Amino acid sequence: MGSLGDVDSPPSLSSRISTVVPATPRGEENGAHELQFMDLLVKLHYFRAVYFFNSEAVQGFTSHDLKKPMFPLLDSCYHVSGRIRRSENGRPFIKCNDAGVRVGEAHCDKSLDEWFGENGYSLDGGLVHDHVLGPDIGFSPLVFVKFTWFKCGGLSVGLSWAHVLGDACSALNFIAMWSQILAGQMPPKSLQVPNPTKPEFPPSVSQNPISVRSANVIGEYWLATNAIKLETHSFYVTSAQLEHLVSVTFGPNKQYAAETTSYFEILSALLWNFISRIRGDSGPSAVTICTNTSNRTENYFPINGLVLSKVEADLEARNSDISELSRLIAEKKMVENHGVEKLMEKDEGIGDFIVYGANLTFVDFEEFKFYGVKLNGQKPILANCTFHGVGDQGVVLVLPGPEDNKENGGIGRMITVTLPEKELDQLKHQLNREWGIV
C-alpha cells in the first residue's frame, strides 16, 4: 500500500484549498525564528496524521466552523505560518511573515465503513495533502490541514507537518489546541517557551552515530532520494493479542515483563526479529530507537525534542529471543544525541541528513495523546500517522489504538511500518501466519 498522502487515487468528488493566516497581523513585529541543530537535522522529514470521526462527532459543523479556529491558533504558533529563508552562510531559518498555512476541504463518495473496507488501517488515498517543501522553498507552506467529508456524514482531519517545525508531539498538540478552540476554549496569548538549557546526554560510544546519515535530495525539494521503492502498511494489534504475545514470549516471567517492559519494546523486538529474518545476513545487528524528551504540557512552543539511541544485539537478531531483544531495548539503549549534535555543529546546520530509515528505526509514540483531539466531546474512532521522507532501511512506529473492548477499555496498538516493498509483503505474511496480526 502507498504512504499516507498518496494522491494517485484521490477519494474526493470535489476539493479546494485556501490559506489561513494569524488572526492578528504581526506587522512590524515580523521577525526570524532561528532553527536549532535538531530542527535542521530532520528538515527532510514530514509528519503526517489522520483522525477519523463519525457523523455524530461532527454534527452541526460546517467547513467554515472547522477552519475558523485556525486563525487564533496561528496567533499563538506564529512561526508555523512563516516561510523558510536562508542566512548569508546558507543556514535556514523561518521568516515569521504571516504567509499562512494551507487548508484543504474535500468530499468523498464513500462512507467510512466502505473506506476502511477498502483501505484497512493503512489510510491510503489522499486524506493528507502530499506536502513537501520546494522547489521554491521560500514560498512553501510548512503545514497543510485537510478536512474530508464522507457520504455517511463522517469526517477525516489530515495533517501534514514539516518536521523542521517540531516533533510529532508538537504536531499533535497543534491539532489538539485546534480542537480545544473549536470547543470554545480561548487559546493562550503565548505558548510556553522550552528551557533553552540542553539536556545532558552521555557521549555516544561511537564517533559516527548510526542514527543519522547524509542524504542526497531530489532537485530543489527538501526530500531525500531513495534507492528502492518503499511502501507503508499499518497493523492493528488488539489488547487480547498483546496479552497473548506477552504470555507466549515471557511464559512464567510474564508478570515481571509486564512491570519492566513496555508494549513498544516488545513489539519493536518482535519486528526487529522478523525483519532480520527477512533480510538474512544483511539483517541489522543494531537499530535506532527514537523517543522524546519528558512529557510536555499542552500549551508549549513546538520543539524537536528527539532522543536518538542505538541498541546492539549480542547475537544476530534473527536468532535472538524476542524476550532478550525487548530486554536490550528496555535496558541497553545508548543515547547518540551528543554525537549527533557534534556532527551538526561541524556541518554548521547546512548539510542534508535523514533520521527515520537511516538505520532500521523504531519510534515510540505509545504514550502520545492521539485520542486527545475531540469534536463535540467525542474522540476519533481511529487515528494513525506516518513519516514521509523515510530512508531505505525503514521505520516502525508504535502508537495507541482505539479502545477495542468496551467492557474493560482494552487499548490495542497500531504499528505503522514503512519498508522496501518486497520486505513489507513478507512481513505481512509472517505476522499473520505466526501471530494472527493483520
Protein backbone atom coordinates (compact mmCIF):
# COMPACT_ATOMS: atom_id res chain seq x y z
CA MET A 1 0.00 0.00 0.00
CA GLY A 2 1.10 3.55 -0.60
CA SER A 3 2.17 6.03 2.03
CA LEU A 4 -0.19 8.44 3.73
CA GLY A 5 -0.78 11.35 1.44
CA ASP A 6 -0.55 9.28 -1.74
CA VAL A 7 -2.67 11.22 -4.19
CA ASP A 8 -2.56 8.71 -7.06
CA SER A 9 -6.11 7.61 -6.21
CA PRO A 10 -7.77 10.62 -4.57
CA PRO A 11 -11.06 9.99 -2.76
CA SER A 12 -12.58 13.36 -3.49
CA LEU A 13 -15.52 14.26 -5.66
CA SER A 14 -14.52 17.87 -5.27
CA SER A 15 -11.91 19.77 -3.32
CA ARG A 16 -10.46 23.21 -2.79
CA ILE A 17 -7.51 24.75 -0.96
CA SER A 18 -7.41 28.05 0.89
CA THR A 19 -4.89 29.88 3.07
CA VAL A 20 -5.36 30.71 6.76
CA VAL A 21 -3.22 33.40 8.40
CA PRO A 22 -2.94 34.55 12.03
CA ALA A 23 -5.98 36.47 13.29
CA THR A 24 -3.75 39.34 14.39
CA PRO A 25 -1.17 40.52 11.80
CA ARG A 26 2.28 40.85 13.30
CA GLY A 27 3.14 43.80 11.08
CA GLU A 28 6.46 45.29 12.04
CA GLU A 29 6.89 42.56 14.63
CA ASN A 30 7.72 40.14 11.82
CA GLY A 31 10.98 38.54 12.75
CA ALA A 32 13.04 35.41 12.40
CA HIS A 33 12.61 32.11 14.18
CA GLU A 34 16.04 30.57 14.49
CA LEU A 35 16.20 26.84 13.86
CA GLN A 36 18.20 24.67 16.25
CA PHE A 37 20.51 21.88 15.13
CA MET A 38 17.89 19.23 15.92
CA ASP A 39 15.34 21.12 13.79
CA LEU A 40 17.71 21.18 10.85
CA LEU A 41 18.60 17.52 11.34
CA VAL A 42 15.03 16.45 10.49
CA LYS A 43 14.26 19.06 7.83
CA LEU A 44 13.85 16.38 5.11
CA HIS A 45 11.10 14.60 7.09
CA TYR A 46 7.36 15.28 7.34
CA PHE A 47 4.95 14.04 10.00
CA ARG A 48 1.54 13.02 8.69
CA ALA A 49 -1.50 12.12 10.79
CA VAL A 50 -5.15 11.31 10.12
CA TYR A 51 -8.08 11.40 12.54
CA PHE A 52 -11.46 9.81 11.68
CA PHE A 53 -14.69 11.00 13.31
CA ASN A 54 -18.17 9.57 12.91
CA SER A 55 -21.15 11.69 11.87
CA GLU A 56 -22.31 12.23 15.46
CA ALA A 57 -18.99 13.83 16.41
CA VAL A 58 -19.19 16.40 13.60
CA GLN A 59 -22.93 17.00 13.66
CA GLY A 60 -23.71 20.68 13.16
CA PHE A 61 -20.22 21.64 11.96
CA THR A 62 -19.59 23.31 8.62
CA SER A 63 -16.30 23.66 6.80
CA HIS A 64 -16.23 27.29 7.91
CA ASP A 65 -16.62 26.20 11.55
CA LEU A 66 -13.67 23.83 11.21
CA LYS A 67 -11.41 26.40 9.61
CA LYS A 68 -12.26 29.29 11.95
CA PRO A 69 -10.15 28.11 14.96
CA MET A 70 -7.03 28.13 12.80
CA PHE A 71 -6.90 31.94 12.81
CA PRO A 72 -6.48 32.41 16.60
CA LEU A 73 -4.36 29.25 16.81
CA LEU A 74 -1.80 30.79 14.48
CA ASP A 75 -1.60 33.82 16.75
CA SER A 76 -0.04 31.53 19.36
CA CYS A 77 2.01 29.44 16.91
CA TYR A 78 3.05 32.36 14.72
CA HIS A 79 6.15 30.74 13.22
CA VAL A 80 4.00 27.89 11.84
CA SER A 81 2.59 30.31 9.27
CA GLY A 82 6.04 31.56 8.25
CA ARG A 83 8.32 30.57 5.38
CA ILE A 84 11.85 29.22 5.10
CA ARG A 85 14.66 31.64 4.31
CA ARG A 86 18.45 31.28 4.33
CA SER A 87 21.04 33.42 6.04
CA GLU A 88 24.14 34.66 4.24
CA ASN A 89 26.04 31.50 5.16
CA GLY A 90 23.21 29.30 3.84
CA ARG A 91 21.74 28.21 7.17
CA PRO A 92 17.91 28.01 7.04
CA PHE A 93 15.62 29.95 9.39
CA ILE A 94 11.90 30.74 9.44
CA LYS A 95 10.75 34.21 8.43
CA CYS A 96 7.64 34.97 10.51
CA ASN A 97 5.81 36.77 7.74
CA ASP A 98 2.20 35.58 8.30
CA ALA A 99 2.18 33.82 4.93
CA GLY A 100 -0.19 31.25 6.41
CA VAL A 101 -0.95 27.54 6.38
CA ARG A 102 -2.95 25.72 3.73
CA VAL A 103 -6.38 24.25 4.48
CA GLY A 104 -7.98 21.78 2.10
CA GLU A 105 -11.66 20.85 2.01
CA ALA A 106 -12.79 17.71 0.15
CA HIS A 107 -15.79 15.42 -0.27
CA CYS A 108 -15.51 11.65 -0.61
CA ASP A 109 -18.02 9.43 -2.44
CA LYS A 110 -17.54 6.61 0.11
CA SER A 111 -18.81 6.02 3.64
CA LEU A 112 -16.32 5.46 6.46
CA ASP A 113 -17.19 1.74 6.52
CA GLU A 114 -16.55 1.50 2.78
CA TRP A 115 -13.31 3.40 3.21
CA PHE A 116 -11.99 1.08 5.94
CA GLY A 117 -13.17 -1.95 3.97
CA GLU A 118 -11.00 -0.92 1.03
CA ASN A 119 -8.03 0.59 2.87
CA GLY A 120 -7.89 -1.18 6.22
CA TYR A 121 -5.79 0.74 8.72
CA SER A 122 -3.21 1.94 6.21
CA LEU A 123 -5.21 5.00 5.22
CA ASP A 124 -4.16 5.34 1.60
CA GLY A 125 -5.73 7.72 -0.84
CA GLY A 126 -5.12 11.40 -0.32
CA LEU A 127 -6.63 12.15 3.10
CA VAL A 128 -3.40 14.01 3.86
CA HIS A 129 -2.09 16.55 1.37
CA ASP A 130 1.04 15.35 -0.42
CA HIS A 131 3.15 18.09 1.09
CA VAL A 132 6.88 18.62 0.52
CA LEU A 133 8.88 21.84 0.79
CA GLY A 134 10.14 23.03 -2.59
CA PRO A 135 11.05 23.61 -5.28
CA ASP A 136 10.55 27.26 -4.28
CA ILE A 137 11.40 26.77 -0.60
CA GLY A 138 10.72 30.39 0.25
CA PHE A 139 7.09 30.08 -0.87
CA SER A 140 6.27 26.60 0.51
CA PRO A 141 3.78 26.38 3.41
CA LEU A 142 5.05 24.48 6.43
CA VAL A 143 1.67 22.96 7.35
CA PHE A 144 -1.30 21.54 5.43
CA VAL A 145 -4.59 20.59 7.11
CA LYS A 146 -7.20 18.71 5.09
CA PHE A 147 -10.85 18.13 6.03
CA THR A 148 -12.53 15.33 4.07
CA TRP A 149 -16.28 14.74 4.40
CA PHE A 150 -17.59 11.23 3.76
CA LYS A 151 -21.01 10.45 2.31
CA CYS A 152 -22.12 8.99 5.67
CA GLY A 153 -21.54 12.37 7.34
CA GLY A 154 -18.23 11.35 8.90
CA LEU A 155 -15.05 13.40 8.68
CA SER A 156 -11.31 12.88 8.48
CA VAL A 157 -8.81 15.51 9.62
CA GLY A 158 -5.47 15.11 7.86
CA LEU A 159 -2.31 16.91 8.98
CA SER A 160 0.97 17.26 7.10
CA TRP A 161 3.55 18.96 9.31
CA ALA A 162 7.09 19.89 8.24
CA HIS A 163 9.28 18.23 10.87
CA VAL A 164 11.59 21.26 10.89
CA LEU A 165 8.84 23.00 12.94
CA GLY A 166 8.86 20.48 15.76
CA ASP A 167 8.44 16.80 16.51
CA ALA A 168 5.33 14.63 16.35
CA CYS A 169 4.37 15.59 19.91
CA SER A 170 4.38 19.24 18.83
CA ALA A 171 2.24 18.44 15.80
CA LEU A 172 -0.31 16.54 17.88
CA ASN A 173 -0.51 19.40 20.38
CA PHE A 174 -1.15 21.78 17.48
CA ILE A 175 -4.22 19.79 16.39
CA ALA A 176 -5.33 19.31 19.99
CA MET A 177 -5.27 23.09 20.51
CA TRP A 178 -7.32 23.49 17.32
CA SER A 179 -10.00 21.16 18.71
CA GLN A 180 -10.00 22.99 22.05
CA ILE A 181 -10.58 26.35 20.34
CA LEU A 182 -13.35 24.73 18.27
CA ALA A 183 -14.93 23.66 21.58
CA GLY A 184 -14.93 27.25 22.82
CA GLN A 185 -11.73 27.38 24.86
CA MET A 186 -9.73 30.57 24.44
CA PRO A 187 -6.21 29.93 23.15
CA PRO A 188 -3.25 31.16 25.21
CA LYS A 189 -1.87 34.51 24.11
CA SER A 190 1.59 32.99 24.02
CA LEU A 191 2.96 29.49 24.37
CA GLN A 192 5.45 28.33 26.96
CA VAL A 193 8.96 28.54 25.59
CA PRO A 194 11.02 25.44 26.44
CA ASN A 195 14.01 25.80 28.69
CA PRO A 196 16.92 26.61 26.37
CA THR A 197 19.28 24.54 28.50
CA LYS A 198 20.30 21.46 26.57
CA PRO A 199 19.61 18.16 28.30
CA GLU A 200 22.71 16.35 29.44
CA PHE A 201 23.29 13.20 27.42
CA PRO A 202 26.18 10.79 27.89
CA PRO A 203 28.62 10.79 24.96
CA SER A 204 27.99 8.21 22.27
CA VAL A 205 30.32 5.24 22.24
CA SER A 206 30.69 5.85 18.50
CA GLN A 207 32.23 8.87 16.87
CA ASN A 208 29.94 8.21 13.91
CA PRO A 209 26.40 7.69 15.23
CA ILE A 210 24.24 5.24 13.29
CA SER A 211 21.07 7.25 13.96
CA VAL A 212 21.66 9.70 11.11
CA ARG A 213 23.01 9.56 7.60
CA SER A 214 23.92 12.12 4.95
CA ALA A 215 21.32 12.35 2.20
CA ASN A 216 21.00 13.37 -1.41
CA VAL A 217 17.92 15.44 -2.15
CA ILE A 218 15.53 15.49 -5.09
CA GLY A 219 16.37 18.62 -7.05
CA GLU A 220 15.30 21.71 -5.14
CA TYR A 221 12.98 19.80 -2.82
CA TRP A 222 13.54 19.12 0.86
CA LEU A 223 13.13 15.39 0.34
CA ALA A 224 15.77 12.65 0.29
CA THR A 225 16.18 10.28 -2.62
CA ASN A 226 15.52 6.53 -2.21
CA ALA A 227 17.43 3.76 -3.95
CA ILE A 228 14.45 1.37 -3.72
CA LYS A 229 10.68 1.65 -3.60
CA LEU A 230 9.18 1.85 -0.10
CA GLU A 231 5.62 1.03 0.94
CA THR A 232 3.66 1.74 4.11
CA HIS A 233 1.22 -0.52 5.93
CA SER A 234 -0.46 -0.38 9.33
CA PHE A 235 -1.11 -3.40 11.55
CA TYR A 236 -3.61 -3.32 14.40
CA VAL A 237 -2.73 -5.41 17.46
CA THR A 238 -5.70 -5.82 19.81
CA SER A 239 -5.35 -5.76 23.60
CA ALA A 240 -6.05 -9.52 23.65
CA GLN A 241 -3.27 -10.13 21.11
CA LEU A 242 -0.88 -8.02 23.21
CA GLU A 243 -1.61 -10.12 26.29
CA HIS A 244 -1.12 -13.31 24.28
CA LEU A 245 2.18 -12.01 22.89
CA VAL A 246 3.50 -11.26 26.38
CA SER A 247 2.30 -14.62 27.71
CA VAL A 248 3.93 -16.65 24.93
CA THR A 249 7.13 -14.58 24.85
CA PHE A 250 7.84 -14.46 28.57
CA GLY A 251 6.00 -17.53 29.90
CA PRO A 252 6.24 -17.75 33.71
CA ASN A 253 8.04 -14.39 33.75
CA LYS A 254 5.16 -12.53 32.11
CA GLN A 255 4.25 -10.63 35.28
CA TYR A 256 7.81 -9.35 35.66
CA ALA A 257 7.86 -8.46 31.96
CA ALA A 258 4.60 -6.54 32.31
CA GLU A 259 6.13 -4.47 35.11
CA THR A 260 9.51 -3.79 33.45
CA THR A 261 8.89 -3.83 29.69
CA SER A 262 6.56 -1.69 27.59
CA TYR A 263 4.47 -2.93 24.70
CA PHE A 264 6.59 -0.67 22.48
CA GLU A 265 9.72 -2.56 23.47
CA ILE A 266 8.08 -5.97 22.98
CA LEU A 267 6.57 -5.09 19.60
CA SER A 268 9.82 -3.49 18.45
CA ALA A 269 11.70 -6.65 19.42
CA LEU A 270 9.19 -8.78 17.51
CA LEU A 271 9.54 -6.75 14.32
CA TRP A 272 13.32 -6.46 14.68
CA ASN A 273 13.49 -10.24 14.78
CA PHE A 274 11.13 -10.68 11.82
CA ILE A 275 12.82 -8.06 9.63
CA SER A 276 16.24 -9.56 10.42
CA ARG A 277 14.95 -12.99 9.38
CA ILE A 278 13.67 -11.49 6.12
CA ARG A 279 16.98 -9.73 5.39
CA GLY A 280 19.11 -12.73 6.33
CA ASP A 281 22.82 -11.99 6.52
CA SER A 282 22.14 -8.29 5.95
CA GLY A 283 19.73 -8.13 8.86
CA PRO A 284 20.57 -5.27 11.28
CA SER A 285 22.51 -6.19 14.40
CA ALA A 286 21.96 -2.64 15.66
CA VAL A 287 18.83 -0.49 15.42
CA THR A 288 17.84 3.07 16.22
CA ILE A 289 15.28 3.81 18.94
CA CYS A 290 13.60 7.21 18.74
CA THR A 291 11.86 8.57 21.82
CA ASN A 292 11.04 12.07 23.04
CA THR A 293 12.14 14.15 25.98
CA SER A 294 9.89 14.07 29.03
CA ASN A 295 6.18 14.80 28.60
CA ARG A 296 5.39 18.45 27.95
CA THR A 297 2.35 20.43 28.88
CA GLU A 298 -0.18 21.17 26.15
CA ASN A 299 0.48 24.86 25.62
CA TYR A 300 4.17 24.84 24.80
CA PHE A 301 6.08 26.18 21.84
CA PRO A 302 6.81 23.44 19.24
CA ILE A 303 10.26 21.91 19.53
CA ASN A 304 12.17 18.90 18.25
CA GLY A 305 12.80 17.03 21.48
CA LEU A 306 14.02 13.80 19.94
CA VAL A 307 16.20 11.34 21.81
CA LEU A 308 18.08 9.06 19.41
CA SER A 309 19.57 5.85 20.79
CA LYS A 310 21.38 2.81 19.48
CA VAL A 311 20.68 -0.77 20.57
CA GLU A 312 23.02 -3.59 19.59
CA ALA A 313 22.15 -7.29 19.72
CA ASP A 314 24.68 -9.65 21.28
CA LEU A 315 23.76 -12.28 18.68
CA GLU A 316 22.21 -11.99 15.26
CA ALA A 317 18.76 -10.52 15.87
CA ARG A 318 17.13 -13.19 13.71
CA ASN A 319 18.47 -15.85 16.12
CA SER A 320 17.67 -13.94 19.31
CA ASP A 321 14.66 -14.49 21.53
CA ILE A 322 12.01 -11.78 21.48
CA SER A 323 12.32 -11.55 25.26
CA GLU A 324 16.07 -10.93 25.01
CA LEU A 325 15.69 -8.28 22.29
CA SER A 326 13.00 -6.48 24.27
CA ARG A 327 15.27 -6.51 27.33
CA LEU A 328 18.06 -4.96 25.27
CA ILE A 329 15.74 -2.21 24.02
CA ALA A 330 14.49 -1.54 27.55
CA GLU A 331 17.87 -1.59 29.32
CA LYS A 332 20.75 -1.18 26.86
CA LYS A 333 19.94 1.91 24.82
CA MET A 334 22.98 4.09 24.14
CA VAL A 335 21.93 7.71 23.57
CA GLU A 336 23.57 9.23 20.49
CA ASN A 337 22.36 12.81 20.77
CA HIS A 338 25.78 14.02 21.84
CA GLY A 339 27.43 12.58 18.73
CA VAL A 340 24.60 13.80 16.51
CA GLU A 341 24.90 17.34 17.86
CA LYS A 342 28.66 17.30 17.29
CA LEU A 343 28.03 16.20 13.70
CA MET A 344 25.55 19.03 13.15
CA GLU A 345 27.86 21.61 14.73
CA LYS A 346 30.68 20.52 12.44
CA ASP A 347 28.34 20.88 9.46
CA GLU A 348 27.07 24.28 10.74
CA GLY A 349 23.49 23.17 10.10
CA ILE A 350 23.78 23.40 6.32
CA GLY A 351 24.02 19.73 5.29
CA ASP A 352 21.22 17.32 4.41
CA PHE A 353 20.53 14.33 6.68
CA ILE A 354 17.91 11.68 7.28
CA VAL A 355 16.98 10.13 10.62
CA TYR A 356 13.98 7.87 10.08
CA GLY A 357 15.25 4.98 7.98
CA ALA A 358 18.92 5.94 8.03
CA ASN A 359 19.13 2.76 10.07
CA LEU A 360 16.17 0.49 10.87
CA THR A 361 14.33 2.88 13.19
CA PHE A 362 11.72 2.21 15.88
CA VAL A 363 9.70 5.21 17.05
CA ASP A 364 7.91 5.20 20.40
CA PHE A 365 4.57 7.05 20.22
CA GLU A 366 2.98 4.73 22.76
CA GLU A 367 2.21 7.41 25.34
CA PHE A 368 1.24 10.15 22.87
CA LYS A 369 -2.28 11.53 23.13
CA PHE A 370 -3.61 10.72 19.67
CA TYR A 371 -7.11 10.48 21.09
CA GLY A 372 -6.91 13.80 22.93
CA VAL A 373 -8.38 15.54 19.89
CA LYS A 374 -12.16 15.73 20.37
CA LEU A 375 -15.07 17.07 18.34
CA ASN A 376 -18.36 17.62 20.15
CA GLY A 377 -16.67 15.93 23.10
CA GLN A 378 -16.06 12.71 21.16
CA LYS A 379 -12.75 11.01 20.41
CA PRO A 380 -11.77 9.88 16.92
CA ILE A 381 -12.91 6.39 16.03
CA LEU A 382 -9.40 5.88 14.67
CA ALA A 383 -6.13 7.83 14.48
CA ASN A 384 -3.00 6.92 12.60
CA CYS A 385 0.25 8.51 11.45
CA THR A 386 3.43 8.02 9.48
CA PHE A 387 6.52 9.89 8.29
CA HIS A 388 7.25 11.00 4.75
CA GLY A 389 10.87 11.06 3.63
CA VAL A 390 11.89 7.72 5.18
CA GLY A 391 15.28 6.23 4.30
CA ASP A 392 15.79 2.82 2.68
CA GLN A 393 16.35 0.93 5.97
CA GLY A 394 12.76 1.60 7.03
CA VAL A 395 10.88 2.80 10.08
CA VAL A 396 8.41 1.27 12.55
CA LEU A 397 6.00 3.45 14.55
CA VAL A 398 4.14 2.14 17.59
CA LEU A 399 1.16 4.22 18.71
CA PRO A 400 -2.02 3.66 20.74
CA GLY A 401 -5.05 2.22 19.05
CA PRO A 402 -8.70 2.94 19.84
CA GLU A 403 -10.47 1.16 22.69
CA ASP A 404 -11.17 -2.33 21.37
CA ASN A 405 -13.08 -3.73 24.34
CA LYS A 406 -15.90 -1.63 25.75
CA GLU A 407 -16.20 -3.82 28.85
CA ASN A 408 -12.68 -3.30 30.17
CA GLY A 409 -11.49 -0.44 27.99
CA GLY A 410 -8.71 -2.50 26.45
CA ILE A 411 -6.33 -0.46 24.33
CA GLY A 412 -4.51 -2.10 21.47
CA ARG A 413 -1.58 -0.75 19.48
CA MET A 414 -1.23 0.48 15.92
CA ILE A 415 2.04 -0.41 14.20
CA THR A 416 2.74 1.64 11.08
CA VAL A 417 5.63 0.24 9.07
CA THR A 418 7.49 1.69 6.09
CA LEU A 419 9.82 -0.80 4.41
CA PRO A 420 11.04 -1.84 0.96
CA GLU A 421 8.05 -3.26 -0.92
CA LYS A 422 9.17 -6.92 -1.01
CA GLU A 423 10.18 -6.92 2.66
CA LEU A 424 6.82 -5.49 3.67
CA ASP A 425 4.96 -8.22 1.77
CA GLN A 426 6.96 -10.88 3.62
CA LEU A 427 6.42 -9.15 6.96
CA LYS A 428 2.64 -9.11 6.41
CA HIS A 429 2.69 -12.83 5.68
CA GLN A 430 4.81 -13.75 8.71
CA LEU A 431 2.92 -11.61 11.21
CA ASN A 432 -0.39 -13.06 10.03
CA ARG A 433 0.84 -16.65 9.95
CA GLU A 434 2.63 -16.67 13.30
CA TRP A 435 0.61 -14.20 15.37
CA GLY A 436 -2.65 -13.55 13.51
CA ILE A 437 -1.72 -9.84 13.18
CA VAL A 438 -3.06 -8.15 10.05
